[in-house]
Amino acid sequence: MVETDNIARQAPCRRVGLVAKPHLQEASGVLTEIVRWLEARGASAVFDAQTAALCGSASTARTIADGDQFPREVDLIVVLGGDGTLLATAGRIAHADADVPILGVNFGSLGFLTEVTLGELYPALDMALAGRSAEDPRLMLEVRIEASDRMRGPWIALNDIVISRGALSRMIDLDVTVDGQPVARFKSDGLIVASPTGSTAYNLSAGGPIVHPSVPAMVLTPIAPHTLTNRPVVIPAKSTLRVQGRRESIADDGSDVYVTVDGQVRVPLPPTDVATVTYAPKPLRLLRPTARTYFDVLREKLKWAER
């Protein structure tokens, strides 16, 4: 049993979406094997367009080119790649407003989210098809950019939303409020707003805390702050966070300060605009088919608490 309090069980799966890291040629043979394995058990495989290209014309699997339709047409999405591929797929699921679980299989170098190894692939799939996999819901973040005449977004992040400069490495001044209450004026290289899942990513590298994924929270971590007392802050997930750059530290068109969403999307933030961050309406349904606990993964992947 997986030792996470908020874990549920997912329904049996018959239509399995397969997503591989783009241009990951070593995944092509595995994809072909998965298709055959699924068909032998009365299930069907569905590719997105990029994944279908890896297998060529030999595959019998259905292909859905529409990025929003793909997650709506399957009961489960299996990701072959690294954490970046899983983050991109999580964003696609959220953008499509779909409600589908995701299973990450590690082809990358770290695989903190894509923790299933190739040797564990078929036992994990067998459990998922039968509806016996543990489901670990992960809070996601939603960001919108408000201007006086329009609203941009929303964009959804599983790991983090980062406000920082582009090419120039100079400090910026960011005014931050939580639920309308002033928090701080951060003079730093930027600000990381991390989910519990993202607390072990950029947030951790910047000196932020590790937050267990079952804790409903957001972490505010300044990047290289000018003042040593500007330390990370953990706030309730239900909070509304607003971040605005001060005019004297940002170009009028926002061309030197950006809001970056899970390292996948980058949007300019002019000084007249405000980035508003809340938690997303739906969590990501991450499957945890192995007996590894969250702390096992910390020790294995990050060498956490080793002497």
C-alpha atoms as a PDB file:
ATOM      1  CA  MET A   1       0.000   0.000   0.000  1.00  0.00           C
ATOM      2  CA  VAL A   2       1.161   3.528  -0.739  1.00  0.00           C
ATOM      3  CA  GLU A   3       1.443   5.583   2.407  1.00  0.00           C
ATOM      4  CA  THR A   4      -0.397   8.771   1.453  1.00  0.00           C
ATOM      5  CA  ASP A   5      -3.550   9.781   3.333  1.00  0.00           C
ATOM      6  CA  ASN A   6      -5.440  11.333   0.399  1.00  0.00           C
ATOM      7  CA  ILE A   7      -4.999   8.454  -2.036  1.00  0.00           C
ATOM      8  CA  ALA A   8      -8.071   6.985  -3.788  1.00  0.00           C
ATOM      9  CA  ARG A   9      -8.521   4.215  -6.343  1.00  0.00           C
ATOM     10  CA  GLN A  10      -9.109   4.910 -10.019  1.00  0.00           C
ATOM     11  CA  ALA A  11     -11.707   3.296 -12.270  1.00  0.00           C
ATOM     12  CA  PRO A  12     -10.726   0.509 -14.707  1.00  0.00           C
ATOM     13  CA  CYS A  13      -9.210   1.742 -17.987  1.00  0.00           C
ATOM     14  CA  ARG A  14      -9.921   0.541 -21.529  1.00  0.00           C
ATOM     15  CA  ARG A  15      -8.610   3.409 -23.690  1.00  0.00           C
ATOM     16  CA  VAL A  16      -4.993   4.269 -22.914  1.00  0.00           C
ATOM     17  CA  GLY A  17      -3.412   7.426 -24.294  1.00  0.00           C
ATOM     18  CA  LEU A  18       0.330   7.172 -24.981  1.00  0.00           C
ATOM     19  CA  VAL A  19       2.559  10.270 -24.934  1.00  0.00           C
ATOM     20  CA  ALA A  20       6.315  10.089 -25.469  1.00  0.00           C
ATOM     21  CA  LYS A  21       8.900  12.812 -25.241  1.00  0.00           C
ATOM     22  CA  PRO A  22       9.232  14.371 -28.719  1.00  0.00           C
ATOM     23  CA  HIS A  23      12.024  12.802 -30.812  1.00  0.00           C
ATOM     24  CA  LEU A  24      12.708  10.131 -28.163  1.00  0.00           C
ATOM     25  CA  GLN A  25      13.617   7.408 -30.662  1.00  0.00           C
ATOM     26  CA  GLU A  26      14.453   4.854 -27.984  1.00  0.00           C
ATOM     27  CA  ALA A  27      10.790   4.927 -26.951  1.00  0.00           C
ATOM     28  CA  SER A  28       9.492   3.743 -30.343  1.00  0.00           C
ATOM     29  CA  GLY A  29      10.048   0.049 -29.658  1.00  0.00           C
ATOM     30  CA  VAL A  30       8.486   0.334 -26.207  1.00  0.00           C
ATOM     31  CA  LEU A  31       5.448   2.080 -27.671  1.00  0.00           C
ATOM     32  CA  THR A  32       4.939  -0.720 -30.195  1.00  0.00           C
ATOM     33  CA  GLU A  33       5.179  -3.309 -27.418  1.00  0.00           C
ATOM     34  CA  ILE A  34       2.664  -1.427 -25.260  1.00  0.00           C
ATOM     35  CA  VAL A  35       0.159  -1.288 -28.122  1.00  0.00           C
ATOM     36  CA  ARG A  36       0.378  -5.070 -28.602  1.00  0.00           C
ATOM     37  CA  TRP A  37       0.215  -5.696 -24.855  1.00  0.00           C
ATOM     38  CA  LEU A  38      -2.933  -3.569 -24.510  1.00  0.00           C
ATOM     39  CA  GLU A  39      -4.659  -5.153 -27.516  1.00  0.00           C
ATOM     40  CA  ALA A  40      -3.973  -8.641 -26.113  1.00  0.00           C
ATOM     41  CA  ARG A  41      -5.920  -7.601 -22.990  1.00  0.00           C
ATOM     42  CA  GLY A  42      -8.885  -6.112 -24.795  1.00  0.00           C
ATOM     43  CA  ALA A  43      -7.763  -2.498 -24.327  1.00  0.00           C
ATOM     44  CA  SER A  44      -6.867   0.033 -27.015  1.00  0.00           C
ATOM     45  CA  ALA A  45      -4.000   2.493 -27.408  1.00  0.00           C
ATOM     46  CA  VAL A  46      -4.401   6.081 -28.569  1.00  0.00           C
ATOM     47  CA  PHE A  47      -1.490   8.277 -29.720  1.00  0.00           C
ATOM     48  CA  ASP A  48      -1.137  12.011 -29.934  1.00  0.00           C
ATOM     49  CA  ALA A  49       0.327  13.236 -33.230  1.00  0.00           C
ATOM     50  CA  GLN A  50       3.952  13.565 -32.080  1.00  0.00           C
ATOM     51  CA  THR A  51       3.984  10.145 -30.462  1.00  0.00           C
ATOM     52  CA  ALA A  52       2.446   8.515 -33.534  1.00  0.00           C
ATOM     53  CA  ALA A  53       5.326   9.932 -35.603  1.00  0.00           C
ATOM     54  CA  LEU A  54       7.805   7.942 -33.494  1.00  0.00           C
ATOM     55  CA  CYS A  55       6.127   4.653 -34.459  1.00  0.00           C
ATOM     56  CA  GLY A  56       5.601   5.410 -38.136  1.00  0.00           C
ATOM     57  CA  SER A  57       2.953   3.710 -40.261  1.00  0.00           C
ATOM     58  CA  ALA A  58       3.411   0.263 -38.694  1.00  0.00           C
ATOM     59  CA  SER A  59       1.310   1.028 -35.633  1.00  0.00           C
ATOM     60  CA  THR A  60      -2.377   0.125 -35.543  1.00  0.00           C
ATOM     61  CA  ALA A  61      -3.148   2.576 -32.737  1.00  0.00           C
ATOM     62  CA  ARG A  62      -5.606   5.411 -33.253  1.00  0.00           C
ATOM     63  CA  THR A  63      -4.107   8.914 -33.504  1.00  0.00           C
ATOM     64  CA  ILE A  64      -5.778  12.090 -32.228  1.00  0.00           C
ATOM     65  CA  ALA A  65      -4.100  15.238 -33.510  1.00  0.00           C
ATOM     66  CA  ASP A  66      -6.299  17.705 -31.614  1.00  0.00           C
ATOM     67  CA  GLY A  67      -4.456  18.594 -28.403  1.00  0.00           C
ATOM     68  CA  ASP A  68      -7.630  19.275 -26.397  1.00  0.00           C
ATOM     69  CA  GLN A  69      -9.570  16.281 -27.711  1.00  0.00           C
ATOM     70  CA  PHE A  70      -6.789  13.803 -26.900  1.00  0.00           C
ATOM     71  CA  PRO A  71      -7.087  13.839 -23.067  1.00  0.00           C
ATOM     72  CA  ARG A  72     -10.895  13.820 -23.299  1.00  0.00           C
ATOM     73  CA  GLU A  73     -10.951  10.611 -25.365  1.00  0.00           C
ATOM     74  CA  VAL A  74      -8.936   8.333 -23.054  1.00  0.00           C
ATOM     75  CA  ASP A  75      -9.309   6.724 -19.622  1.00  0.00           C
ATOM     76  CA  LEU A  76      -5.604   6.958 -18.766  1.00  0.00           C
ATOM     77  CA  ILE A  77      -2.532   8.747 -20.140  1.00  0.00           C
ATOM     78  CA  VAL A  78       0.853   7.022 -19.956  1.00  0.00           C
ATOM     79  CA  VAL A  79       3.817   9.363 -20.339  1.00  0.00           C
ATOM     80  CA  LEU A  80       7.176   8.013 -21.522  1.00  0.00           C
ATOM     81  CA  GLY A  81       9.937  10.522 -20.880  1.00  0.00           C
ATOM     82  CA  GLY A  82      11.125  12.717 -18.046  1.00  0.00           C
ATOM     83  CA  ASP A  83       9.429  15.128 -15.683  1.00  0.00           C
ATOM     84  CA  GLY A  84       9.331  17.838 -18.366  1.00  0.00           C
ATOM     85  CA  THR A  85       7.182  15.614 -20.594  1.00  0.00           C
ATOM     86  CA  LEU A  86       4.839  14.911 -17.702  1.00  0.00           C
ATOM     87  CA  LEU A  87       4.577  18.640 -16.877  1.00  0.00           C
ATOM     88  CA  ALA A  88       3.671  19.436 -20.484  1.00  0.00           C
ATOM     89  CA  THR A  89       1.052  16.662 -20.508  1.00  0.00           C
ATOM     90  CA  ALA A  90      -0.400  17.856 -17.205  1.00  0.00           C
ATOM     91  CA  GLY A  91      -0.800  21.300 -18.772  1.00  0.00           C
ATOM     92  CA  ARG A  92      -2.611  19.782 -21.764  1.00  0.00           C
ATOM     93  CA  ILE A  93      -4.997  17.896 -19.467  1.00  0.00           C
ATOM     94  CA  ALA A  94      -5.776  21.076 -17.533  1.00  0.00           C
ATOM     95  CA  HIS A  95      -6.196  23.175 -20.699  1.00  0.00           C
ATOM     96  CA  ALA A  96      -8.680  20.629 -22.050  1.00  0.00           C
ATOM     97  CA  ASP A  97     -10.538  20.640 -18.712  1.00  0.00           C
ATOM     98  CA  ALA A  98     -10.233  16.855 -18.764  1.00  0.00           C
ATOM     99  CA  ASP A  99     -10.412  14.514 -15.802  1.00  0.00           C
ATOM    100  CA  VAL A 100      -8.017  11.707 -16.651  1.00  0.00           C
ATOM    101  CA  PRO A 101      -5.308  10.041 -14.515  1.00  0.00           C
ATOM    102  CA  ILE A 102      -1.687  10.071 -15.625  1.00  0.00           C
ATOM    103  CA  LEU A 103       1.082   7.496 -15.204  1.00  0.00           C
ATOM    104  CA  GLY A 104       4.697   8.620 -15.642  1.00  0.00           C
ATOM    105  CA  VAL A 105       7.335   6.176 -16.934  1.00  0.00           C
ATOM    106  CA  ASN A 106      10.910   7.372 -16.592  1.00  0.00           C
ATOM    107  CA  PHE A 107      13.110   7.792 -19.652  1.00  0.00           C
ATOM    108  CA  GLY A 108      14.845  10.840 -18.158  1.00  0.00           C
ATOM    109  CA  SER A 109      17.814  11.364 -15.871  1.00  0.00           C
ATOM    110  CA  LEU A 110      15.956  12.126 -12.619  1.00  0.00           C
ATOM    111  CA  GLY A 111      12.330  11.066 -12.919  1.00  0.00           C
ATOM    112  CA  PHE A 112      10.958  12.536  -9.697  1.00  0.00           C
ATOM    113  CA  LEU A 113       7.406  12.611 -11.074  1.00  0.00           C
ATOM    114  CA  THR A 114       7.908   9.916 -13.710  1.00  0.00           C
ATOM    115  CA  GLU A 115       8.971   7.456 -11.047  1.00  0.00           C
ATOM    116  CA  VAL A 116       7.900   4.176 -12.719  1.00  0.00           C
ATOM    117  CA  THR A 117      10.881   2.382 -14.255  1.00  0.00           C
ATOM    118  CA  LEU A 118      10.762   0.400 -17.506  1.00  0.00           C
ATOM    119  CA  GLY A 119      10.989  -2.792 -15.463  1.00  0.00           C
ATOM    120  CA  GLU A 120       7.869  -1.763 -13.542  1.00  0.00           C
ATOM    121  CA  LEU A 121       5.929  -0.644 -16.642  1.00  0.00           C
ATOM    122  CA  TYR A 122       3.741  -3.684 -17.333  1.00  0.00           C
ATOM    123  CA  PRO A 123       2.876  -4.502 -13.710  1.00  0.00           C
ATOM    124  CA  ALA A 124       1.912  -0.825 -13.328  1.00  0.00           C
ATOM    125  CA  LEU A 125      -0.218  -0.944 -16.485  1.00  0.00           C
ATOM    126  CA  ASP A 126      -1.857  -4.164 -15.336  1.00  0.00           C
ATOM    127  CA  MET A 127      -2.884  -2.502 -12.077  1.00  0.00           C
ATOM    128  CA  ALA A 128      -4.165   0.573 -13.916  1.00  0.00           C
ATOM    129  CA  LEU A 129      -6.288  -1.434 -16.344  1.00  0.00           C
ATOM    130  CA  ALA A 130      -7.894  -3.230 -13.411  1.00  0.00           C
ATOM    131  CA  GLY A 131      -8.482  -0.008 -11.467  1.00  0.00           C
ATOM    132  CA  ARG A 132      -6.170  -1.106  -8.655  1.00  0.00           C
ATOM    133  CA  SER A 133      -3.625   1.727  -8.840  1.00  0.00           C
ATOM    134  CA  ALA A 134      -3.395   4.242  -6.025  1.00  0.00           C
ATOM    135  CA  GLU A 135      -4.352   7.718  -7.175  1.00  0.00           C
ATOM    136  CA  ASP A 136      -2.481  10.657  -5.685  1.00  0.00           C
ATOM    137  CA  PRO A 137      -4.215  13.997  -6.449  1.00  0.00           C
ATOM    138  CA  ARG A 138      -1.753  16.867  -6.916  1.00  0.00           C
ATOM    139  CA  LEU A 139      -2.764  20.497  -6.443  1.00  0.00           C
ATOM    140  CA  MET A 140      -2.146  22.688  -9.492  1.00  0.00           C
ATOM    141  CA  LEU A 141      -1.732  26.458  -9.748  1.00  0.00           C
ATOM    142  CA  GLU A 142      -3.595  28.827 -12.031  1.00  0.00           C
ATOM    143  CA  VAL A 143      -2.246  32.203 -13.131  1.00  0.00           C
ATOM    144  CA  ARG A 144      -3.996  35.050 -14.946  1.00  0.00           C
ATOM    145  CA  ILE A 145      -2.509  38.371 -16.000  1.00  0.00           C
ATOM    146  CA  GLU A 146      -4.808  41.339 -15.458  1.00  0.00           C
ATOM    147  CA  ALA A 147      -4.543  44.621 -17.320  1.00  0.00           C
ATOM    148  CA  SER A 148      -6.917  47.593 -17.211  1.00  0.00           C
ATOM    149  CA  ASP A 149      -8.573  46.583 -20.486  1.00  0.00           C
ATOM    150  CA  ARG A 150      -8.197  42.804 -20.697  1.00  0.00           C
ATOM    151  CA  MET A 151      -7.430  39.516 -18.963  1.00  0.00           C
ATOM    152  CA  ARG A 152      -4.865  37.004 -20.255  1.00  0.00           C
ATOM    153  CA  GLY A 153      -4.864  33.340 -19.336  1.00  0.00           C
ATOM    154  CA  PRO A 154      -5.496  31.261 -17.437  1.00  0.00           C
ATOM    155  CA  TRP A 155      -2.394  29.087 -17.569  1.00  0.00           C
ATOM    156  CA  ILE A 156      -2.085  26.016 -15.338  1.00  0.00           C
ATOM    157  CA  ALA A 157       1.085  24.792 -13.614  1.00  0.00           C
ATOM    158  CA  LEU A 158       1.798  21.578 -11.755  1.00  0.00           C
ATOM    159  CA  ASN A 159       5.194  22.689 -10.415  1.00  0.00           C
ATOM    160  CA  ASP A 160       5.573  26.442 -10.325  1.00  0.00           C
ATOM    161  CA  ILE A 161       4.917  29.901 -11.665  1.00  0.00           C
ATOM    162  CA  VAL A 162       8.029  32.073 -11.833  1.00  0.00           C
ATOM    163  CA  ILE A 163       8.210  35.852 -12.249  1.00  0.00           C
ATOM    164  CA  SER A 164      11.704  36.839 -13.344  1.00  0.00           C
ATOM    165  CA  ARG A 165      13.747  38.682 -15.923  1.00  0.00           C
ATOM    166  CA  GLY A 166      14.474  37.302 -19.353  1.00  0.00           C
ATOM    167  CA  ALA A 167      18.008  37.530 -20.710  1.00  0.00           C
ATOM    168  CA  LEU A 168      19.279  40.250 -18.359  1.00  0.00           C
ATOM    169  CA  SER A 169      20.344  39.186 -14.903  1.00  0.00           C
ATOM    170  CA  ARG A 170      19.256  42.260 -12.925  1.00  0.00           C
ATOM    171  CA  MET A 171      17.131  42.604  -9.830  1.00  0.00           C
ATOM    172  CA  ILE A 172      13.488  43.615 -10.005  1.00  0.00           C
ATOM    173  CA  ASP A 173      11.098  45.011  -7.396  1.00  0.00           C
ATOM    174  CA  LEU A 174       7.925  42.973  -6.971  1.00  0.00           C
ATOM    175  CA  ASP A 175       4.984  44.015  -4.789  1.00  0.00           C
ATOM    176  CA  VAL A 176       3.198  40.954  -3.410  1.00  0.00           C
ATOM    177  CA  THR A 177      -0.187  40.711  -1.674  1.00  0.00           C
ATOM    178  CA  VAL A 178      -2.090  37.708  -0.309  1.00  0.00           C
ATOM    179  CA  ASP A 179      -5.875  38.053  -0.084  1.00  0.00           C
ATOM    180  CA  GLY A 180      -5.467  41.804  -0.397  1.00  0.00           C
ATOM    181  CA  GLN A 181      -2.972  42.035   2.461  1.00  0.00           C
ATOM    182  CA  PRO A 182       0.510  43.412   1.639  1.00  0.00           C
ATOM    183  CA  VAL A 183       3.167  40.755   2.175  1.00  0.00           C
ATOM    184  CA  ALA A 184       6.439  42.274   0.983  1.00  0.00           C
ATOM    185  CA  ARG A 185       8.240  44.205  -1.684  1.00  0.00           C
ATOM    186  CA  PHE A 186      10.757  41.669  -2.906  1.00  0.00           C
ATOM    187  CA  LYS A 187      13.935  43.120  -4.375  1.00  0.00           C
ATOM    188  CA  SER A 188      15.419  40.036  -5.995  1.00  0.00           C
ATOM    189  CA  ASP A 189      16.113  38.238  -9.248  1.00  0.00           C
ATOM    190  CA  GLY A 190      12.499  37.093  -9.223  1.00  0.00           C
ATOM    191  CA  LEU A 191       9.855  35.143  -7.325  1.00  0.00           C
ATOM    192  CA  ILE A 192       8.890  31.452  -7.419  1.00  0.00           C
ATOM    193  CA  VAL A 193       5.317  30.480  -6.586  1.00  0.00           C
ATOM    194  CA  ALA A 194       5.479  26.721  -6.099  1.00  0.00           C
ATOM    195  CA  SER A 195       2.901  24.037  -5.479  1.00  0.00           C
ATOM    196  CA  PRO A 196       3.705  21.246  -3.011  1.00  0.00           C
ATOM    197  CA  THR A 197       4.676  19.075  -6.000  1.00  0.00           C
ATOM    198  CA  GLY A 198       6.947  21.849  -7.287  1.00  0.00           C
ATOM    199  CA  SER A 199       8.536  22.410  -3.897  1.00  0.00           C
ATOM    200  CA  THR A 200      11.229  19.867  -4.852  1.00  0.00           C
ATOM    201  CA  ALA A 201      11.992  21.592  -8.175  1.00  0.00           C
ATOM    202  CA  TYR A 202      13.234  25.184  -8.734  1.00  0.00           C
ATOM    203  CA  ASN A 203      11.907  26.154  -5.307  1.00  0.00           C
ATOM    204  CA  LEU A 204      14.256  23.718  -3.591  1.00  0.00           C
ATOM    205  CA  SER A 205      17.251  24.933  -5.613  1.00  0.00           C
ATOM    206  CA  ALA A 206      16.442  28.503  -4.537  1.00  0.00           C
ATOM    207  CA  GLY A 207      16.424  27.567  -0.861  1.00  0.00           C
ATOM    208  CA  GLY A 208      12.703  26.955  -0.390  1.00  0.00           C
ATOM    209  CA  PRO A 209      11.210  24.221   1.819  1.00  0.00           C
ATOM    210  CA  ILE A 210      10.044  20.734   0.840  1.00  0.00           C
ATOM    211  CA  VAL A 211       6.266  20.511   1.234  1.00  0.00           C
ATOM    212  CA  HIS A 212       4.508  17.140   1.284  1.00  0.00           C
ATOM    213  CA  PRO A 213       2.112  16.889  -1.708  1.00  0.00           C
ATOM    214  CA  SER A 214      -0.888  16.230   0.542  1.00  0.00           C
ATOM    215  CA  VAL A 215      -0.494  19.660   2.202  1.00  0.00           C
ATOM    216  CA  PRO A 216      -2.778  22.279   0.551  1.00  0.00           C
ATOM    217  CA  ALA A 217      -0.324  25.140   0.287  1.00  0.00           C
ATOM    218  CA  MET A 218       1.630  27.484  -1.962  1.00  0.00           C
ATOM    219  CA  VAL A 219       5.260  28.457  -1.379  1.00  0.00           C
ATOM    220  CA  LEU A 220       6.595  31.950  -2.128  1.00  0.00           C
ATOM    221  CA  THR A 221      10.356  31.871  -2.612  1.00  0.00           C
ATOM    222  CA  PRO A 222      12.339  34.948  -3.699  1.00  0.00           C
ATOM    223  CA  ILE A 223      15.221  34.215  -6.073  1.00  0.00           C
ATOM    224  CA  ALA A 224      18.538  35.583  -4.764  1.00  0.00           C
ATOM    225  CA  PRO A 225      16.905  38.327  -2.627  1.00  0.00           C
ATOM    226  CA  HIS A 226      18.820  41.519  -1.948  1.00  0.00           C
ATOM    227  CA  THR A 227      17.800  41.379   1.736  1.00  0.00           C
ATOM    228  CA  LEU A 228      18.756  38.289   3.710  1.00  0.00           C
ATOM    229  CA  THR A 229      15.555  38.479   5.777  1.00  0.00           C
ATOM    230  CA  ASN A 230      13.422  37.865   2.661  1.00  0.00           C
ATOM    231  CA  ARG A 231      12.831  34.219   3.383  1.00  0.00           C
ATOM    232  CA  PRO A 232      10.375  31.766   1.757  1.00  0.00           C
ATOM    233  CA  VAL A 233       6.767  31.884   2.985  1.00  0.00           C
ATOM    234  CA  VAL A 234       4.201  29.060   2.980  1.00  0.00           C
ATOM    235  CA  ILE A 235       0.593  30.230   2.529  1.00  0.00           C
ATOM    236  CA  PRO A 236      -2.764  28.393   2.346  1.00  0.00           C
ATOM    237  CA  ALA A 237      -3.647  27.037  -1.089  1.00  0.00           C
ATOM    238  CA  LYS A 238      -7.008  28.838  -1.002  1.00  0.00           C
ATOM    239  CA  SER A 239      -5.217  32.216  -0.978  1.00  0.00           C
ATOM    240  CA  THR A 240      -5.287  34.694  -3.851  1.00  0.00           C
ATOM    241  CA  LEU A 241      -1.778  35.903  -4.609  1.00  0.00           C
ATOM    242  CA  ARG A 242      -1.164  39.082  -6.621  1.00  0.00           C
ATOM    243  CA  VAL A 243       2.263  40.109  -7.949  1.00  0.00           C
ATOM    244  CA  GLN A 244       3.092  43.368  -9.698  1.00  0.00           C
ATOM    245  CA  GLY A 245       6.449  44.726 -10.785  1.00  0.00           C
ATOM    246  CA  ARG A 246       7.312  48.303  -9.877  1.00  0.00           C
ATOM    247  CA  ARG A 247       7.573  50.609 -12.884  1.00  0.00           C
ATOM    248  CA  GLU A 248      11.099  51.800 -12.136  1.00  0.00           C
ATOM    249  CA  SER A 249      12.449  48.233 -12.433  1.00  0.00           C
ATOM    250  CA  ILE A 250      10.526  47.043 -15.528  1.00  0.00           C
ATOM    251  CA  ALA A 251      10.366  48.223 -19.124  1.00  0.00           C
ATOM    252  CA  ASP A 252       6.987  49.703 -20.074  1.00  0.00           C
ATOM    253  CA  ASP A 253       6.136  46.833 -22.421  1.00  0.00           C
ATOM    254  CA  GLY A 254       7.215  44.169 -19.930  1.00  0.00           C
ATOM    255  CA  SER A 255       9.725  42.832 -22.446  1.00  0.00           C
ATOM    256  CA  ASP A 256      12.329  42.165 -19.769  1.00  0.00           C
ATOM    257  CA  VAL A 257      10.102  40.523 -17.099  1.00  0.00           C
ATOM    258  CA  TYR A 258       8.147  37.356 -17.713  1.00  0.00           C
ATOM    259  CA  VAL A 259       5.730  34.990 -16.037  1.00  0.00           C
ATOM    260  CA  THR A 260       6.939  31.448 -16.744  1.00  0.00           C
ATOM    261  CA  VAL A 261       4.530  28.541 -16.244  1.00  0.00           C
ATOM    262  CA  ASP A 262       6.152  25.166 -15.479  1.00  0.00           C
ATOM    263  CA  GLY A 263       9.062  26.125 -17.758  1.00  0.00           C
ATOM    264  CA  GLN A 264       6.694  25.561 -20.712  1.00  0.00           C
ATOM    265  CA  VAL A 265       5.046  28.959 -21.348  1.00  0.00           C
ATOM    266  CA  ARG A 266       6.499  32.453 -20.976  1.00  0.00           C
ATOM    267  CA  VAL A 267       4.334  35.602 -20.948  1.00  0.00           C
ATOM    268  CA  PRO A 268       5.542  39.241 -20.586  1.00  0.00           C
ATOM    269  CA  LEU A 269       4.487  41.167 -17.475  1.00  0.00           C
ATOM    270  CA  PRO A 270       4.374  44.963 -18.032  1.00  0.00           C
ATOM    271  CA  PRO A 271       4.419  47.148 -14.880  1.00  0.00           C
ATOM    272  CA  THR A 272       0.753  48.072 -15.421  1.00  0.00           C
ATOM    273  CA  ASP A 273      -0.332  44.419 -15.266  1.00  0.00           C
ATOM    274  CA  VAL A 274      -0.842  42.143 -12.279  1.00  0.00           C
ATOM    275  CA  ALA A 275      -0.183  38.383 -12.135  1.00  0.00           C
ATOM    276  CA  THR A 276      -2.875  36.711 -10.022  1.00  0.00           C
ATOM    277  CA  VAL A 277      -2.219  33.182  -8.767  1.00  0.00           C
ATOM    278  CA  THR A 278      -4.784  30.825  -7.215  1.00  0.00           C
ATOM    279  CA  TYR A 279      -5.089  27.067  -7.020  1.00  0.00           C
ATOM    280  CA  ALA A 280      -6.600  25.424 -10.101  1.00  0.00           C
ATOM    281  CA  PRO A 281     -10.158  24.029  -9.985  1.00  0.00           C
ATOM    282  CA  LYS A 282      -9.025  20.452 -10.667  1.00  0.00           C
ATOM    283  CA  PRO A 283      -6.014  18.593  -9.260  1.00  0.00           C
ATOM    284  CA  LEU A 284      -3.821  16.370 -11.409  1.00  0.00           C
ATOM    285  CA  ARG A 285      -4.709  12.694 -10.898  1.00  0.00           C
ATOM    286  CA  LEU A 286      -1.235  11.145 -10.592  1.00  0.00           C
ATOM    287  CA  LEU A 287      -1.088   7.355 -10.346  1.00  0.00           C
ATOM    288  CA  ARG A 288       1.289   5.780  -7.829  1.00  0.00           C
ATOM    289  CA  PRO A 289       1.288   2.053  -8.680  1.00  0.00           C
ATOM    290  CA  THR A 290       4.421   1.113  -6.738  1.00  0.00           C
ATOM    291  CA  ALA A 291       4.932   0.601  -3.012  1.00  0.00           C
ATOM    292  CA  ARG A 292       7.395   3.511  -2.836  1.00  0.00           C
ATOM    293  CA  THR A 293       6.361   6.269  -0.455  1.00  0.00           C
ATOM    294  CA  TYR A 294       6.965   9.969  -1.050  1.00  0.00           C
ATOM    295  CA  PHE A 295       9.901   9.838   1.352  1.00  0.00           C
ATOM    296  CA  ASP A 296      11.337   6.832  -0.476  1.00  0.00           C
ATOM    297  CA  VAL A 297      11.326   8.920  -3.654  1.00  0.00           C
ATOM    298  CA  LEU A 298      12.996  11.840  -1.849  1.00  0.00           C
ATOM    299  CA  ARG A 299      15.781   9.586  -0.634  1.00  0.00           C
ATOM    300  CA  GLU A 300      16.197   7.773  -3.946  1.00  0.00           C
ATOM    301  CA  LYS A 301      16.006  10.710  -6.350  1.00  0.00           C
ATOM    302  CA  LEU A 302      17.314  13.642  -4.277  1.00  0.00           C
ATOM    303  CA  LYS A 303      19.537  11.740  -1.833  1.00  0.00           C
ATOM    304  CA  TRP A 304      17.529  13.473   0.876  1.00  0.00           C
ATOM    305  CA  ALA A 305      18.622  13.041   4.515  1.00  0.00           C
ATOM    306  CA  GLU A 306      21.720  11.068   3.553  1.00  0.00           C
ATOM    307  CA  ARG A 307      24.788  11.573   5.684  1.00  0.00           C
END
